[in-house]
Amino acid sequence: MKIKFLTLTAAFVSFGMMAQAQKTQIRGGVNLANVSVTDNGRVDKANQLTSFQVGILTDIPLGSNVLTLQPGLLYTGKGSKVQKGTSGQAGYFKQTFNPQYLELPVNLLFKAPIGGTSRLFVGAGPYVAMGIGGKTKTEGTRALTGSYSYERDITFSNDDPTTFNEEEGTGLGVIRRFDYGLNGTAGIEGKSVVLGVNYGLGLAKLQSGTNSNADNNNKNRVLSLTLGFKF
């Protein structure tokens, strides 16, 4: 109940801020998702997984047209993949891990006019997200039994996001339901169209039961290329 209450509260706050805005944007795009694999937060590029995002954002001017607060509500896919060998050959193995999140970003944007109604923008801010679904897909080829393929629903723990040093409902194959981190964003906008690039730096470890925050291993990393339409 606490998890649902916190999620609904965050969603209502986000929509309340949108209602006060002058410009709303429907946005979709491609996510190039990955998960960090080293203590300093680096990723293995071979593990990059293509996913997607779709959602709504809005601009709230902060006293001028230069600074803008931009909250949003996104349905977004994250994760990574692992692949060894060549498809169809013995020893081939591929697994994709693709959790889906409901994400609430809040970015502070600086916008600079470049002529007419066009503007360049750059910004940053935090995000919080809750896992709501997703699949793990596995396929491969064994020397004796041939090809195999199966998929499973991702299992989330019922962790309480207010207990930062503890986690409830941990177990093998279970990931934390809540993610949070920082965004960096940049792009160009016209009167009705917005082209952007965004990078999400996850700060929460994914694996259930991982209590050490001494390193940046096992955290979401997402590069997004987006197209938005203002109305």
Protein backbone atom coordinates (compact mmCIF):
# COMPACT_ATOMS: atom_id res chain seq x y z
CA MET A 1 0.00 0.00 0.00
CA LYS A 2 2.82 2.42 0.81
CA ILE A 3 4.42 1.79 -2.59
CA LYS A 4 1.16 2.47 -4.45
CA PHE A 5 0.47 5.56 -2.35
CA LEU A 6 3.91 7.06 -3.05
CA THR A 7 3.61 6.34 -6.77
CA LEU A 8 0.13 7.86 -7.06
CA THR A 9 1.21 10.91 -5.05
CA ALA A 10 4.19 11.50 -7.35
CA ALA A 11 2.00 11.12 -10.44
CA PHE A 12 -0.61 13.59 -9.13
CA VAL A 13 2.11 16.13 -8.29
CA SER A 14 3.54 15.78 -11.79
CA PHE A 15 0.15 16.25 -13.46
CA GLY A 16 -0.58 19.21 -11.18
CA MET A 17 2.60 20.92 -12.36
CA MET A 18 1.67 20.17 -15.97
CA ALA A 19 -1.71 21.81 -15.53
CA GLN A 20 0.02 25.11 -14.72
CA ALA A 21 2.23 25.03 -17.79
CA GLN A 22 1.97 26.98 -21.02
CA LYS A 23 3.37 24.29 -23.35
CA THR A 24 2.87 20.54 -23.22
CA GLN A 25 4.88 18.06 -25.25
CA ILE A 26 4.12 14.49 -26.30
CA ARG A 27 7.44 12.68 -26.72
CA GLY A 28 8.62 9.34 -28.01
CA GLY A 29 12.01 7.93 -28.80
CA VAL A 30 14.60 5.21 -28.89
CA ASN A 31 16.44 4.13 -25.72
CA LEU A 32 19.94 2.70 -25.97
CA ALA A 33 19.93 1.03 -22.58
CA ASN A 34 22.70 -0.65 -20.62
CA VAL A 35 23.71 -1.62 -17.08
CA SER A 36 27.05 -0.68 -15.54
CA VAL A 37 29.44 -3.60 -15.03
CA THR A 38 32.45 -2.00 -13.30
CA ASP A 39 33.02 -0.36 -9.92
CA ASN A 40 33.50 3.05 -11.56
CA GLY A 41 30.20 2.83 -13.44
CA ARG A 42 31.38 1.94 -16.94
CA VAL A 43 29.33 -0.24 -19.27
CA ASP A 44 30.18 -2.93 -21.80
CA LYS A 45 29.04 -1.54 -25.16
CA ALA A 46 28.37 -5.07 -26.44
CA ASN A 47 25.58 -5.34 -23.85
CA GLN A 48 23.61 -2.35 -25.18
CA LEU A 49 19.89 -3.05 -25.61
CA THR A 50 17.56 -1.07 -27.88
CA SER A 51 14.26 -0.16 -26.20
CA PHE A 52 11.82 2.76 -26.33
CA GLN A 53 10.09 5.50 -24.39
CA VAL A 54 6.84 7.44 -24.73
CA GLY A 55 5.29 10.06 -22.51
CA ILE A 56 4.26 13.63 -21.82
CA LEU A 57 6.33 16.60 -20.63
CA THR A 58 5.57 20.23 -20.03
CA ASP A 59 7.36 23.57 -19.71
CA ILE A 60 6.84 25.87 -16.71
CA PRO A 61 8.61 29.23 -17.33
CA LEU A 62 10.56 30.53 -14.35
CA GLY A 63 10.04 34.25 -14.76
CA SER A 64 11.29 34.38 -18.34
CA ASN A 65 11.62 32.34 -21.52
CA VAL A 66 15.25 31.48 -20.74
CA LEU A 67 14.83 29.22 -17.70
CA THR A 68 12.16 26.52 -17.69
CA LEU A 69 11.20 23.76 -15.29
CA GLN A 70 10.20 20.65 -17.23
CA PRO A 71 8.46 17.82 -15.33
CA GLY A 72 7.24 14.75 -17.17
CA LEU A 73 5.71 11.31 -16.98
CA LEU A 74 7.29 8.60 -19.15
CA TYR A 75 6.77 4.94 -19.90
CA THR A 76 10.34 3.82 -20.57
CA GLY A 77 12.31 0.64 -21.19
CA LYS A 78 15.74 -0.05 -19.70
CA GLY A 79 18.00 -3.09 -19.28
CA SER A 80 20.79 -4.79 -21.22
CA LYS A 81 21.66 -7.95 -23.15
CA VAL A 82 24.33 -10.64 -23.14
CA GLN A 83 25.29 -12.58 -26.26
CA LYS A 84 27.92 -15.26 -26.94
CA GLY A 85 28.62 -17.16 -30.13
CA THR A 86 26.76 -17.13 -33.46
CA SER A 87 23.05 -17.79 -33.88
CA GLY A 88 22.39 -21.36 -35.02
CA GLN A 89 25.78 -22.69 -33.98
CA ALA A 90 26.52 -24.85 -30.93
CA GLY A 91 27.33 -22.77 -27.87
CA TYR A 92 25.25 -19.79 -28.98
CA PHE A 93 23.56 -17.96 -26.09
CA LYS A 94 21.61 -14.68 -25.95
CA GLN A 95 19.65 -13.18 -23.09
CA THR A 96 17.87 -9.81 -23.01
CA PHE A 97 16.79 -8.13 -19.77
CA ASN A 98 14.20 -5.42 -20.49
CA PRO A 99 12.37 -3.96 -17.44
CA GLN A 100 9.72 -1.33 -18.06
CA TYR A 101 9.36 1.69 -15.78
CA LEU A 102 6.98 4.53 -15.07
CA GLU A 103 9.39 7.45 -14.72
CA LEU A 104 9.01 10.99 -13.36
CA PRO A 105 11.83 13.31 -14.54
CA VAL A 106 12.09 16.97 -13.48
CA ASN A 107 14.68 18.93 -15.45
CA LEU A 108 15.77 22.57 -15.28
CA LEU A 109 16.32 23.83 -18.82
CA PHE A 110 18.26 26.79 -20.20
CA LYS A 111 16.97 27.90 -23.62
CA ALA A 112 18.78 30.16 -26.08
CA PRO A 113 17.11 31.60 -29.21
CA ILE A 114 18.84 30.88 -32.53
CA GLY A 115 16.49 32.72 -34.88
CA GLY A 116 12.76 32.85 -35.45
CA THR A 117 10.93 30.52 -33.09
CA SER A 118 13.82 28.04 -32.81
CA ARG A 119 15.83 27.61 -29.61
CA LEU A 120 18.68 25.46 -28.38
CA PHE A 121 18.23 23.97 -24.92
CA VAL A 122 20.38 22.23 -22.35
CA GLY A 123 19.42 21.04 -18.90
CA ALA A 124 19.64 18.54 -16.08
CA GLY A 125 17.71 17.24 -13.11
CA PRO A 126 16.67 14.20 -11.09
CA TYR A 127 14.32 11.36 -11.90
CA VAL A 128 12.48 8.67 -9.94
CA ALA A 129 11.02 5.52 -11.51
CA MET A 130 8.97 2.49 -10.54
CA GLY A 131 9.24 -0.87 -12.31
CA ILE A 132 5.86 -2.01 -13.62
CA GLY A 133 6.70 -4.87 -15.99
CA GLY A 134 9.14 -6.30 -18.47
CA LYS A 135 10.55 -9.56 -19.81
CA THR A 136 13.73 -11.60 -19.71
CA LYS A 137 14.16 -13.52 -22.98
CA THR A 138 16.66 -16.33 -23.42
CA GLU A 139 17.65 -18.28 -26.55
CA GLY A 140 20.52 -20.47 -27.58
CA THR A 141 21.79 -23.64 -29.24
CA ARG A 142 23.06 -26.78 -27.49
CA ALA A 143 25.35 -29.26 -29.26
CA LEU A 144 23.16 -32.29 -28.48
CA THR A 145 19.62 -30.98 -28.05
CA GLY A 146 19.57 -28.12 -30.57
CA SER A 147 17.91 -24.74 -30.22
CA TYR A 148 15.90 -23.51 -27.26
CA SER A 149 14.01 -20.32 -26.45
CA TYR A 150 11.90 -19.06 -23.56
CA GLU A 151 10.87 -15.87 -21.81
CA ARG A 152 9.88 -14.92 -18.26
CA ASP A 153 8.27 -11.95 -16.58
CA ILE A 154 10.67 -9.80 -14.57
CA THR A 155 10.07 -10.06 -10.82
CA PHE A 156 10.34 -6.92 -8.69
CA SER A 157 10.90 -6.81 -4.95
CA ASN A 158 8.42 -4.97 -2.73
CA ASP A 159 11.09 -2.67 -1.40
CA ASP A 160 10.21 0.49 0.47
CA PRO A 161 11.99 3.44 -1.27
CA THR A 162 12.17 5.34 2.03
CA THR A 163 14.51 2.72 3.58
CA PHE A 164 17.70 3.44 1.66
CA ASN A 165 19.93 0.96 3.51
CA GLU A 166 17.46 -1.92 3.61
CA GLU A 167 15.49 -3.85 1.07
CA GLU A 168 12.36 -5.92 1.53
CA GLY A 169 11.37 -8.94 -0.55
CA THR A 170 14.84 -9.80 -1.84
CA GLY A 171 15.64 -13.02 -3.63
CA LEU A 172 17.43 -14.72 -6.50
CA GLY A 173 16.38 -13.30 -9.85
CA VAL A 174 14.51 -10.39 -8.23
CA ILE A 175 15.36 -6.76 -8.95
CA ARG A 176 14.52 -3.62 -7.04
CA ARG A 177 11.27 -2.02 -8.07
CA PHE A 178 12.44 1.56 -7.56
CA ASP A 179 15.09 3.37 -9.57
CA TYR A 180 16.33 6.94 -9.22
CA GLY A 181 19.11 9.01 -10.72
CA LEU A 182 20.11 12.08 -12.71
CA ASN A 183 19.29 13.28 -16.23
CA GLY A 184 21.25 15.38 -18.68
CA THR A 185 19.43 16.65 -21.76
CA ALA A 186 20.04 18.85 -24.82
CA GLY A 187 18.45 19.56 -28.17
CA ILE A 188 16.67 22.00 -30.44
CA GLU A 189 13.04 23.06 -30.49
CA GLY A 190 10.88 24.87 -33.00
CA LYS A 191 7.35 26.14 -32.80
CA SER A 192 5.84 22.65 -32.62
CA VAL A 193 8.66 20.07 -32.95
CA VAL A 194 11.40 19.14 -30.45
CA LEU A 195 14.49 17.04 -31.21
CA GLY A 196 16.46 15.94 -28.18
CA VAL A 197 19.07 13.67 -26.67
CA ASN A 198 18.95 12.57 -23.04
CA TYR A 199 21.25 10.57 -20.77
CA GLY A 200 19.94 8.88 -17.64
CA LEU A 201 22.51 8.06 -14.95
CA GLY A 202 21.01 5.57 -12.53
CA LEU A 203 22.09 5.83 -8.88
CA ALA A 204 20.21 2.82 -7.47
CA LYS A 205 21.61 -0.70 -7.68
CA LEU A 206 19.29 -3.03 -9.59
CA GLN A 207 19.95 -6.39 -8.06
CA SER A 208 17.81 -7.34 -5.13
CA GLY A 209 19.89 -7.93 -2.02
CA THR A 210 22.75 -5.64 -3.09
CA ASN A 211 23.34 -3.43 -0.06
CA SER A 212 26.77 -1.95 -0.82
CA ASN A 213 26.78 1.55 -2.34
CA ALA A 214 30.57 1.80 -2.31
CA ASP A 215 30.76 1.40 -6.10
CA ASN A 216 28.73 2.17 -9.23
CA ASN A 217 28.37 -1.39 -10.49
CA ASN A 218 24.94 -2.74 -11.52
CA LYS A 219 23.10 0.53 -12.23
CA ASN A 220 20.97 1.73 -15.16
CA ARG A 221 22.53 3.76 -17.96
CA VAL A 222 20.20 5.01 -20.74
CA LEU A 223 20.97 7.16 -23.79
CA SER A 224 17.77 8.37 -25.50
CA LEU A 225 17.12 9.97 -28.89
CA THR A 226 13.71 11.63 -28.88
CA LEU A 227 11.14 13.42 -31.02
CA GLY A 228 8.48 15.58 -29.41
CA PHE A 229 5.42 17.51 -30.59
CA LYS A 230 4.21 20.57 -28.67
CA PHE A 231 0.60 21.61 -28.33
